[in-house]
């Protein structure tokens, strides 16, 4: 892995190093969800969920799809996803029991 790839993976891992974002990603790993569903399932307030989804979206970890007034989010781990995200997703593929 070259220095550029290592830097990209490190940057992606830094984005993923937040417990709130990880909890959102674990939920999104099962299905596409909107902000309301994420708020309900996590117990986090809406501004916090929206803030963290914005960070994940800007870093191309999640993809957003608008349907009317709602925005649905899903993981961006696809063949076209950045290499750093695919590496990070592989490193994070663990089973986590709910609290």
PDB file of N, CA and C in Angstrom:
ATOM      1  N   UNK A   1       0.858  -1.169   0.000  1.00  0.00           N
ATOM      2  CA  UNK A   1       0.000   0.000   0.000  1.00  0.00           C
ATOM      3  C   UNK A   1       0.901   1.227   0.000  1.00  0.00           C
ATOM      4  N   UNK A   2       0.666   2.142  -0.953  1.00  0.00           N
ATOM      5  CA  UNK A   2       1.471   3.342  -1.056  1.00  0.00           C
ATOM      6  C   UNK A   2       1.136   4.355   0.014  1.00  0.00           C
ATOM      7  N   UNK A   3       1.989   5.393   0.097  1.00  0.00           N
ATOM      8  CA  UNK A   3       1.768   6.436   1.102  1.00  0.00           C
ATOM      9  C   UNK A   3       0.426   7.130   0.916  1.00  0.00           C
ATOM     10  N   UNK A   4       0.008   7.362  -0.344  1.00  0.00           N
ATOM     11  CA  UNK A   4      -1.282   8.016  -0.593  1.00  0.00           C
ATOM     12  C   UNK A   4      -2.434   7.162  -0.077  1.00  0.00           C
ATOM     13  N   UNK A   5      -2.375   5.854  -0.329  1.00  0.00           N
ATOM     14  CA  UNK A   5      -3.422   4.964   0.160  1.00  0.00           C
ATOM     15  C   UNK A   5      -3.431   4.912   1.681  1.00  0.00           C
ATOM     16  N   UNK A   6      -2.250   4.869   2.287  1.00  0.00           N
ATOM     17  CA  UNK A   6      -2.176   4.828   3.747  1.00  0.00           C
ATOM     18  C   UNK A   6      -2.782   6.090   4.348  1.00  0.00           C
ATOM     19  N   UNK A   7      -2.508   7.235   3.751  1.00  0.00           N
ATOM     20  CA  UNK A   7      -3.074   8.492   4.245  1.00  0.00           C
ATOM     21  C   UNK A   7      -4.588   8.511   4.095  1.00  0.00           C
ATOM     22  N   UNK A   8      -5.088   7.992   2.972  1.00  0.00           N
ATOM     23  CA  UNK A   8      -6.534   7.955   2.742  1.00  0.00           C
ATOM     24  C   UNK A   8      -7.220   7.019   3.729  1.00  0.00           C
ATOM     25  N   UNK A   9      -6.617   5.865   3.991  1.00  0.00           N
ATOM     26  CA  UNK A   9      -7.185   4.929   4.955  1.00  0.00           C
ATOM     27  C   UNK A   9      -7.175   5.549   6.350  1.00  0.00           C
ATOM     28  N   UNK A  10      -6.086   6.209   6.715  1.00  0.00           N
ATOM     29  CA  UNK A  10      -5.999   6.862   8.025  1.00  0.00           C
ATOM     30  C   UNK A  10      -7.077   7.937   8.175  1.00  0.00           C
ATOM     31  N   UNK A  11      -7.309   8.715   7.126  1.00  0.00           N
ATOM     32  CA  UNK A  11      -8.337   9.762   7.173  1.00  0.00           C
ATOM     33  C   UNK A  11      -9.724   9.141   7.338  1.00  0.00           C
ATOM     34  N   UNK A  12      -9.995   8.057   6.611  1.00  0.00           N
ATOM     35  CA  UNK A  12     -11.285   7.385   6.725  1.00  0.00           C
ATOM     36  C   UNK A  12     -11.459   6.785   8.113  1.00  0.00           C
ATOM     37  N   UNK A  13     -10.418   6.182   8.641  1.00  0.00           N
ATOM     38  CA  UNK A  13     -10.493   5.598   9.975  1.00  0.00           C
ATOM     39  C   UNK A  13     -10.734   6.678  11.029  1.00  0.00           C
ATOM     40  N   UNK A  14     -10.181   7.859  10.822  1.00  0.00           N
ATOM     41  CA  UNK A  14     -10.414   8.967  11.751  1.00  0.00           C
ATOM     42  C   UNK A  14     -11.893   9.353  11.752  1.00  0.00           C
ATOM     43  N   UNK A  15     -12.509   9.372  10.576  1.00  0.00           N
ATOM     44  CA  UNK A  15     -13.939   9.673  10.479  1.00  0.00           C
ATOM     45  C   UNK A  15     -14.745   8.592  11.208  1.00  0.00           C
ATOM     46  N   UNK A  16     -14.315   7.350  11.099  1.00  0.00           N
ATOM     47  CA  UNK A  16     -15.031   6.232  11.696  1.00  0.00           C
ATOM     48  C   UNK A  16     -14.749   6.060  13.187  1.00  0.00           C
ATOM     49  N   UNK A  17     -13.803   6.807  13.722  1.00  0.00           N
ATOM     50  CA  UNK A  17     -13.369   6.636  15.109  1.00  0.00           C
ATOM     51  C   UNK A  17     -14.298   7.296  16.120  1.00  0.00           C
ATOM     52  N   UNK A  18     -15.492   7.640  15.725  1.00  0.00           N
ATOM     53  CA  UNK A  18     -16.458   8.266  16.618  1.00  0.00           C
ATOM     54  C   UNK A  18     -17.575   7.259  16.903  1.00  0.00           C
ATOM     55  N   UNK A  19     -17.897   7.056  18.178  1.00  0.00           N
ATOM     56  CA  UNK A  19     -18.888   6.040  18.544  1.00  0.00           C
ATOM     57  C   UNK A  19     -20.261   6.327  17.943  1.00  0.00           C
ATOM     58  N   UNK A  20     -20.667   7.582  17.908  1.00  0.00           N
ATOM     59  CA  UNK A  20     -21.969   7.931  17.325  1.00  0.00           C
ATOM     60  C   UNK A  20     -22.014   7.550  15.857  1.00  0.00           C
ATOM     61  N   UNK A  21     -20.959   7.901  15.111  1.00  0.00           N
ATOM     62  CA  UNK A  21     -20.932   7.566  13.684  1.00  0.00           C
ATOM     63  C   UNK A  21     -20.893   6.055  13.480  1.00  0.00           C
ATOM     64  N   UNK A  22     -20.169   5.347  14.310  1.00  0.00           N
ATOM     65  CA  UNK A  22     -20.123   3.889  14.186  1.00  0.00           C
ATOM     66  C   UNK A  22     -21.492   3.273  14.435  1.00  0.00           C
ATOM     67  N   UNK A  23     -22.215   3.774  15.423  1.00  0.00           N
ATOM     68  CA  UNK A  23     -23.556   3.240  15.690  1.00  0.00           C
ATOM     69  C   UNK A  23     -24.483   3.492  14.503  1.00  0.00           C
ATOM     70  N   UNK A  24     -24.389   4.670  13.904  1.00  0.00           N
ATOM     71  CA  UNK A  24     -25.189   4.961  12.716  1.00  0.00           C
ATOM     72  C   UNK A  24     -24.823   4.014  11.576  1.00  0.00           C
ATOM     73  N   UNK A  25     -23.534   3.783  11.381  1.00  0.00           N
ATOM     74  CA  UNK A  25     -23.087   2.903  10.298  1.00  0.00           C
ATOM     75  C   UNK A  25     -23.531   1.465  10.515  1.00  0.00           C
ATOM     76  N   UNK A  26     -23.514   1.014  11.760  1.00  0.00           N
ATOM     77  CA  UNK A  26     -23.971  -0.344  12.035  1.00  0.00           C
ATOM     78  C   UNK A  26     -25.443  -0.497  11.675  1.00  0.00           C
ATOM     79  N   UNK A  27     -26.245   0.518  11.950  1.00  0.00           N
ATOM     80  CA  UNK A  27     -27.657   0.473  11.566  1.00  0.00           C
ATOM     81  C   UNK A  27     -27.823   0.525  10.053  1.00  0.00           C
ATOM     82  N   UNK A  28     -27.028   1.345   9.401  1.00  0.00           N
ATOM     83  CA  UNK A  28     -27.131   1.479   7.950  1.00  0.00           C
ATOM     84  C   UNK A  28     -26.591   0.254   7.223  1.00  0.00           C
ATOM     85  N   UNK A  29     -25.818  -0.556   7.917  1.00  0.00           N
ATOM     86  CA  UNK A  29     -25.307  -1.784   7.315  1.00  0.00           C
ATOM     87  C   UNK A  29     -26.417  -2.776   7.009  1.00  0.00           C
ATOM     88  N   UNK A  30     -27.540  -2.644   7.710  1.00  0.00           N
ATOM     89  CA  UNK A  30     -28.645  -3.568   7.493  1.00  0.00           C
ATOM     90  C   UNK A  30     -29.648  -3.098   6.465  1.00  0.00           C
ATOM     91  N   UNK A  31     -29.771  -1.780   6.303  1.00  0.00           N
ATOM     92  CA  UNK A  31     -30.758  -1.262   5.356  1.00  0.00           C
ATOM     93  C   UNK A  31     -30.588   0.234   5.167  1.00  0.00           C
ATOM     94  N   UNK A  32     -31.302   0.747   4.208  1.00  0.00           N
ATOM     95  CA  UNK A  32     -31.350   2.182   3.957  1.00  0.00           C
ATOM     96  C   UNK A  32     -32.362   2.785   4.939  1.00  0.00           C
ATOM     97  N   UNK A  33     -31.965   3.855   5.636  1.00  0.00           N
ATOM     98  CA  UNK A  33     -32.833   4.468   6.641  1.00  0.00           C
ATOM     99  C   UNK A  33     -32.841   5.978   6.501  1.00  0.00           C
ATOM    100  N   UNK A  34     -33.930   6.606   6.961  1.00  0.00           N
ATOM    101  CA  UNK A  34     -33.967   8.062   6.980  1.00  0.00           C
ATOM    102  C   UNK A  34     -33.572   8.568   8.371  1.00  0.00           C
ATOM    103  N   UNK A  35     -33.455   9.877   8.511  1.00  0.00           N
ATOM    104  CA  UNK A  35     -33.004  10.466   9.770  1.00  0.00           C
ATOM    105  C   UNK A  35     -33.957  10.102  10.907  1.00  0.00           C
ATOM    106  N   UNK A  36     -35.255  10.162  10.658  1.00  0.00           N
ATOM    107  CA  UNK A  36     -36.236   9.842  11.713  1.00  0.00           C
ATOM    108  C   UNK A  36     -36.047   8.425  12.249  1.00  0.00           C
ATOM    109  N   UNK A  37     -35.832   7.480  11.361  1.00  0.00           N
ATOM    110  CA  UNK A  37     -35.616   6.091  11.789  1.00  0.00           C
ATOM    111  C   UNK A  37     -34.327   5.966  12.585  1.00  0.00           C
ATOM    112  N   UNK A  38     -33.281   6.678  12.160  1.00  0.00           N
ATOM    113  CA  UNK A  38     -32.010   6.635  12.885  1.00  0.00           C
ATOM    114  C   UNK A  38     -32.142   7.269  14.270  1.00  0.00           C
ATOM    115  N   UNK A  39     -32.880   8.360  14.367  1.00  0.00           N
ATOM    116  CA  UNK A  39     -33.129   9.006  15.665  1.00  0.00           C
ATOM    117  C   UNK A  39     -33.866   8.038  16.581  1.00  0.00           C
ATOM    118  N   UNK A  40     -34.903   7.396  16.059  1.00  0.00           N
ATOM    119  CA  UNK A  40     -35.704   6.457  16.844  1.00  0.00           C
ATOM    120  C   UNK A  40     -34.878   5.272  17.331  1.00  0.00           C
ATOM    121  N   UNK A  41     -34.051   4.733  16.463  1.00  0.00           N
ATOM    122  CA  UNK A  41     -33.297   3.517  16.809  1.00  0.00           C
ATOM    123  C   UNK A  41     -32.084   3.789  17.687  1.00  0.00           C
ATOM    124  N   UNK A  42     -31.531   4.991  17.623  1.00  0.00           N
ATOM    125  CA  UNK A  42     -30.339   5.289  18.427  1.00  0.00           C
ATOM    126  C   UNK A  42     -30.654   6.019  19.721  1.00  0.00           C
ATOM    127  N   UNK A  43     -31.751   6.785  19.717  1.00  0.00           N
ATOM    128  CA  UNK A  43     -32.050   7.611  20.878  1.00  0.00           C
ATOM    129  C   UNK A  43     -31.294   8.938  20.867  1.00  0.00           C
ATOM    130  N   UNK A  44     -30.497   9.173  19.831  1.00  0.00           N
ATOM    131  CA  UNK A  44     -29.791  10.447  19.683  1.00  0.00           C
ATOM    132  C   UNK A  44     -30.781  11.494  19.202  1.00  0.00           C
ATOM    133  N   UNK A  45     -30.501  12.768  19.491  1.00  0.00           N
ATOM    134  CA  UNK A  45     -31.396  13.809  18.996  1.00  0.00           C
ATOM    135  C   UNK A  45     -31.153  14.058  17.503  1.00  0.00           C
ATOM    136  N   UNK A  46     -32.158  14.626  16.836  1.00  0.00           N
ATOM    137  CA  UNK A  46     -32.110  14.822  15.392  1.00  0.00           C
ATOM    138  C   UNK A  46     -30.938  15.685  14.947  1.00  0.00           C
ATOM    139  N   UNK A  47     -30.634  16.819  15.626  1.00  0.00           N
ATOM    140  CA  UNK A  47     -29.485  17.614  15.176  1.00  0.00           C
ATOM    141  C   UNK A  47     -28.166  16.833  15.222  1.00  0.00           C
ATOM    142  N   UNK A  48     -28.003  15.993  16.235  1.00  0.00           N
ATOM    143  CA  UNK A  48     -26.773  15.198  16.343  1.00  0.00           C
ATOM    144  C   UNK A  48     -26.678  14.181  15.209  1.00  0.00           C
ATOM    145  N   UNK A  49     -27.781  13.488  14.936  1.00  0.00           N
ATOM    146  CA  UNK A  49     -27.795  12.494  13.850  1.00  0.00           C
ATOM    147  C   UNK A  49     -27.492  13.184  12.523  1.00  0.00           C
ATOM    148  N   UNK A  50     -28.143  14.302  12.278  1.00  0.00           N
ATOM    149  CA  UNK A  50     -27.919  15.035  11.020  1.00  0.00           C
ATOM    150  C   UNK A  50     -26.474  15.505  10.896  1.00  0.00           C
ATOM    151  N   UNK A  51     -25.909  15.976  11.994  1.00  0.00           N
ATOM    152  CA  UNK A  51     -24.514  16.433  11.987  1.00  0.00           C
ATOM    153  C   UNK A  51     -23.564  15.297  11.603  1.00  0.00           C
ATOM    154  N   UNK A  52     -23.736  14.152  12.252  1.00  0.00           N
ATOM    155  CA  UNK A  52     -22.846  13.022  11.982  1.00  0.00           C
ATOM    156  C   UNK A  52     -23.064  12.442  10.591  1.00  0.00           C
ATOM    157  N   UNK A  53     -24.302  12.421  10.128  1.00  0.00           N
ATOM    158  CA  UNK A  53     -24.554  11.971   8.756  1.00  0.00           C
ATOM    159  C   UNK A  53     -23.900  12.908   7.752  1.00  0.00           C
ATOM    160  N   UNK A  54     -23.890  14.201   8.045  1.00  0.00           N
ATOM    161  CA  UNK A  54     -23.211  15.165   7.173  1.00  0.00           C
ATOM    162  C   UNK A  54     -21.725  14.877   7.066  1.00  0.00           C
ATOM    163  N   UNK A  55     -21.110  14.557   8.188  1.00  0.00           N
ATOM    164  CA  UNK A  55     -19.678  14.213   8.184  1.00  0.00           C
ATOM    165  C   UNK A  55     -19.450  12.944   7.363  1.00  0.00           C
ATOM    166  N   UNK A  56     -20.288  11.947   7.578  1.00  0.00           N
ATOM    167  CA  UNK A  56     -20.148  10.690   6.837  1.00  0.00           C
ATOM    168  C   UNK A  56     -20.382  10.894   5.347  1.00  0.00           C
ATOM    169  N   UNK A  57     -21.324  11.754   5.014  1.00  0.00           N
ATOM    170  CA  UNK A  57     -21.617  12.022   3.603  1.00  0.00           C
ATOM    171  C   UNK A  57     -20.468  12.784   2.932  1.00  0.00           C
ATOM    172  N   UNK A  58     -19.965  13.811   3.596  1.00  0.00           N
ATOM    173  CA  UNK A  58     -18.850  14.584   3.023  1.00  0.00           C
ATOM    174  C   UNK A  58     -17.615  13.722   2.807  1.00  0.00           C
ATOM    175  N   UNK A  59     -17.453  12.702   3.624  1.00  0.00           N
ATOM    176  CA  UNK A  59     -16.303  11.806   3.500  1.00  0.00           C
ATOM    177  C   UNK A  59     -16.619  10.562   2.687  1.00  0.00           C
ATOM    178  N   UNK A  60     -17.763  10.583   2.009  1.00  0.00           N
ATOM    179  CA  UNK A  60     -18.170   9.527   1.088  1.00  0.00           C
ATOM    180  C   UNK A  60     -18.283   8.152   1.740  1.00  0.00           C
ATOM    181  N   UNK A  61     -18.687   8.144   3.011  1.00  0.00           N
ATOM    182  CA  UNK A  61     -18.903   6.888   3.719  1.00  0.00           C
ATOM    183  C   UNK A  61     -20.353   6.446   3.543  1.00  0.00           C
ATOM    184  N   UNK A  62     -21.265   7.423   3.438  1.00  0.00           N
ATOM    185  CA  UNK A  62     -22.669   7.123   3.166  1.00  0.00           C
ATOM    186  C   UNK A  62     -23.118   7.887   1.929  1.00  0.00           C
ATOM    187  N   UNK A  63     -24.184   7.382   1.336  1.00  0.00           N
ATOM    188  CA  UNK A  63     -24.797   8.009   0.165  1.00  0.00           C
ATOM    189  C   UNK A  63     -26.215   8.384   0.556  1.00  0.00           C
ATOM    190  N   UNK A  64     -26.650   9.569   0.138  1.00  0.00           N
ATOM    191  CA  UNK A  64     -27.999  10.036   0.443  1.00  0.00           C
ATOM    192  C   UNK A  64     -28.859   9.984  -0.812  1.00  0.00           C
ATOM    193  N   UNK A  65     -30.145   9.666  -0.598  1.00  0.00           N
ATOM    194  CA  UNK A  65     -31.125   9.646  -1.684  1.00  0.00           C
ATOM    195  C   UNK A  65     -32.375  10.365  -1.196  1.00  0.00           C
ATOM    196  N   UNK A  66     -32.792  11.375  -1.937  1.00  0.00           N
ATOM    197  CA  UNK A  66     -33.980  12.136  -1.558  1.00  0.00           C
ATOM    198  C   UNK A  66     -35.223  11.497  -2.159  1.00  0.00           C
ATOM    199  N   UNK A  67     -36.263  11.377  -1.324  1.00  0.00           N
ATOM    200  CA  UNK A  67     -37.574  10.887  -1.756  1.00  0.00           C
ATOM    201  C   UNK A  67     -38.604  11.837  -1.158  1.00  0.00           C
ATOM    202  N   UNK A  68     -39.029  12.821  -1.948  1.00  0.00           N
ATOM    203  CA  UNK A  68     -39.931  13.844  -1.438  1.00  0.00           C
ATOM    204  C   UNK A  68     -39.202  14.703  -0.423  1.00  0.00           C
ATOM    205  N   UNK A  69     -39.748  14.803   0.785  1.00  0.00           N
ATOM    206  CA  UNK A  69     -39.121  15.604   1.842  1.00  0.00           C
ATOM    207  C   UNK A  69     -38.137  14.801   2.680  1.00  0.00           C
ATOM    208  N   UNK A  70     -38.091  13.499   2.471  1.00  0.00           N
ATOM    209  CA  UNK A  70     -37.216  12.649   3.262  1.00  0.00           C
ATOM    210  C   UNK A  70     -35.915  12.356   2.524  1.00  0.00           C
ATOM    211  N   UNK A  71     -34.863  12.179   3.321  1.00  0.00           N
ATOM    212  CA  UNK A  71     -33.571  11.787   2.776  1.00  0.00           C
ATOM    213  C   UNK A  71     -33.213  10.438   3.400  1.00  0.00           C
ATOM    214  N   UNK A  72     -32.926   9.476   2.552  1.00  0.00           N
ATOM    215  CA  UNK A  72     -32.547   8.141   2.995  1.00  0.00           C
ATOM    216  C   UNK A  72     -31.049   7.966   2.818  1.00  0.00           C
ATOM    217  N   UNK A  73     -30.429   7.304   3.781  1.00  0.00           N
ATOM    218  CA  UNK A  73     -28.985   7.089   3.771  1.00  0.00           C
ATOM    219  C   UNK A  73     -28.688   5.606   3.684  1.00  0.00           C
ATOM    220  N   UNK A  74     -27.582   5.297   3.008  1.00  0.00           N
ATOM    221  CA  UNK A  74     -27.098   3.916   2.941  1.00  0.00           C
ATOM    222  C   UNK A  74     -25.575   3.957   2.886  1.00  0.00           C
ATOM    223  N   UNK A  75     -24.959   2.828   3.177  1.00  0.00           N
ATOM    224  CA  UNK A  75     -23.501   2.744   3.114  1.00  0.00           C
ATOM    225  C   UNK A  75     -23.025   2.900   1.685  1.00  0.00           C
ATOM    226  N   UNK A  76     -21.853   3.478   1.527  1.00  0.00           N
ATOM    227  CA  UNK A  76     -21.278   3.696   0.201  1.00  0.00           C
ATOM    228  C   UNK A  76     -20.271   2.616  -0.156  1.00  0.00           C
ATOM    229  N   UNK A  77     -20.318   1.487   0.501  1.00  0.00           N
ATOM    230  CA  UNK A  77     -19.354   0.415   0.237  1.00  0.00           C
ATOM    231  C   UNK A  77     -19.814  -0.361  -0.988  1.00  0.00           C
ATOM    232  N   UNK A  78     -19.324   0.061  -2.112  1.00  0.00           N
ATOM    233  CA  UNK A  78     -19.626  -0.534  -3.406  1.00  0.00           C
ATOM    234  C   UNK A  78     -18.324  -0.612  -4.185  1.00  0.00           C
ATOM    235  N   UNK A  79     -18.316  -1.276  -5.299  1.00  0.00           N
ATOM    236  CA  UNK A  79     -17.079  -1.320  -6.084  1.00  0.00           C
ATOM    237  C   UNK A  79     -16.554   0.069  -6.448  1.00  0.00           C
ATOM    238  N   UNK A  80     -17.444   1.058  -6.596  1.00  0.00           N
ATOM    239  CA  UNK A  80     -17.006   2.400  -6.968  1.00  0.00           C
ATOM    240  C   UNK A  80     -16.594   3.246  -5.762  1.00  0.00           C
ATOM    241  N   UNK A  81     -16.760   2.712  -4.556  1.00  0.00           N
ATOM    242  CA  UNK A  81     -16.394   3.464  -3.354  1.00  0.00           C
ATOM    243  C   UNK A  81     -14.877   3.661  -3.312  1.00  0.00           C
ATOM    244  N   UNK A  82     -14.441   4.721  -2.631  1.00  0.00           N
ATOM    245  CA  UNK A  82     -13.001   4.933  -2.522  1.00  0.00           C
ATOM    246  C   UNK A  82     -12.314   3.716  -1.897  1.00  0.00           C
ATOM    247  N   UNK A  83     -11.118   3.433  -2.362  1.00  0.00           N
ATOM    248  CA  UNK A  83     -10.350   2.292  -1.859  1.00  0.00           C
ATOM    249  C   UNK A  83     -10.229   2.354  -0.341  1.00  0.00           C
ATOM    250  N   UNK A  84     -10.008   3.547   0.208  1.00  0.00           N
ATOM    251  CA  UNK A  84      -9.824   3.679   1.653  1.00  0.00           C
ATOM    252  C   UNK A  84     -11.076   3.245   2.405  1.00  0.00           C
ATOM    253  N   UNK A  85     -12.250   3.530   1.852  1.00  0.00           N
ATOM    254  CA  UNK A  85     -13.481   3.129   2.512  1.00  0.00           C
ATOM    255  C   UNK A  85     -13.660   1.622   2.454  1.00  0.00           C
ATOM    256  N   UNK A  86     -13.328   1.004   1.332  1.00  0.00           N
ATOM    257  CA  UNK A  86     -13.447  -0.452   1.230  1.00  0.00           C
ATOM    258  C   UNK A  86     -12.501  -1.147   2.202  1.00  0.00           C
ATOM    259  N   UNK A  87     -11.291  -0.617   2.365  1.00  0.00           N
ATOM    260  CA  UNK A  87     -10.339  -1.188   3.319  1.00  0.00           C
ATOM    261  C   UNK A  87     -10.872  -1.030   4.740  1.00  0.00           C
ATOM    262  N   UNK A  88     -11.382   0.169   5.058  1.00  0.00           N
ATOM    263  CA  UNK A  88     -11.908   0.422   6.396  1.00  0.00           C
ATOM    264  C   UNK A  88     -13.125  -0.452   6.672  1.00  0.00           C
ATOM    265  N   UNK A  89     -13.994  -0.618   5.692  1.00  0.00           N
ATOM    266  CA  UNK A  89     -15.188  -1.445   5.864  1.00  0.00           C
ATOM    267  C   UNK A  89     -14.780  -2.889   6.145  1.00  0.00           C
ATOM    268  N   UNK A  90     -13.779  -3.370   5.461  1.00  0.00           N
ATOM    269  CA  UNK A  90     -13.289  -4.722   5.714  1.00  0.00           C
ATOM    270  C   UNK A  90     -12.733  -4.864   7.114  1.00  0.00           C
ATOM    271  N   UNK A  91     -12.042  -3.834   7.589  1.00  0.00           N
ATOM    272  CA  UNK A  91     -11.470  -3.861   8.924  1.00  0.00           C
ATOM    273  C   UNK A  91     -12.553  -3.784   9.992  1.00  0.00           C
ATOM    274  N   UNK A  92     -13.696  -3.186   9.636  1.00  0.00           N
ATOM    275  CA  UNK A  92     -14.770  -2.984  10.609  1.00  0.00           C
ATOM    276  C   UNK A  92     -15.859  -4.029  10.526  1.00  0.00           C
ATOM    277  N   UNK A  93     -15.691  -5.041   9.720  1.00  0.00           N
ATOM    278  CA  UNK A  93     -16.761  -6.034   9.568  1.00  0.00           C
ATOM    279  C   UNK A  93     -16.765  -6.969  10.776  1.00  0.00           C
ATOM    280  N   UNK A  94     -17.397  -6.484  11.844  1.00  0.00           N
ATOM    281  CA  UNK A  94     -17.516  -7.235  13.088  1.00  0.00           C
ATOM    282  C   UNK A  94     -18.973  -7.275  13.487  1.00  0.00           C
ATOM    283  N   UNK A  95     -19.326  -8.232  14.279  1.00  0.00           N
ATOM    284  CA  UNK A  95     -20.683  -8.322  14.801  1.00  0.00           C
ATOM    285  C   UNK A  95     -20.709  -7.647  16.160  1.00  0.00           C
ATOM    286  N   UNK A  96     -21.619  -6.690  16.323  1.00  0.00           N
ATOM    287  CA  UNK A  96     -21.710  -5.954  17.586  1.00  0.00           C
ATOM    288  C   UNK A  96     -23.073  -6.208  18.183  1.00  0.00           C
ATOM    289  N   UNK A  97     -23.083  -6.669  19.423  1.00  0.00           N
ATOM    290  CA  UNK A  97     -24.355  -6.920  20.119  1.00  0.00           C
ATOM    291  C   UNK A  97     -24.949  -5.592  20.558  1.00  0.00           C
ATOM    292  N   UNK A  98     -26.292  -5.446  20.467  1.00  0.00           N
ATOM    293  CA  UNK A  98     -26.917  -4.206  20.908  1.00  0.00           C
ATOM    294  C   UNK A  98     -26.759  -4.017  22.414  1.00  0.00           C
ATOM    295  N   UNK A  99     -26.787  -2.764  22.809  1.00  0.00           N
ATOM    296  CA  UNK A  99     -26.646  -2.470  24.247  1.00  0.00           C
ATOM    297  C   UNK A  99     -27.917  -2.762  24.984  1.00  0.00           C
TER     298      UNK A  99
END
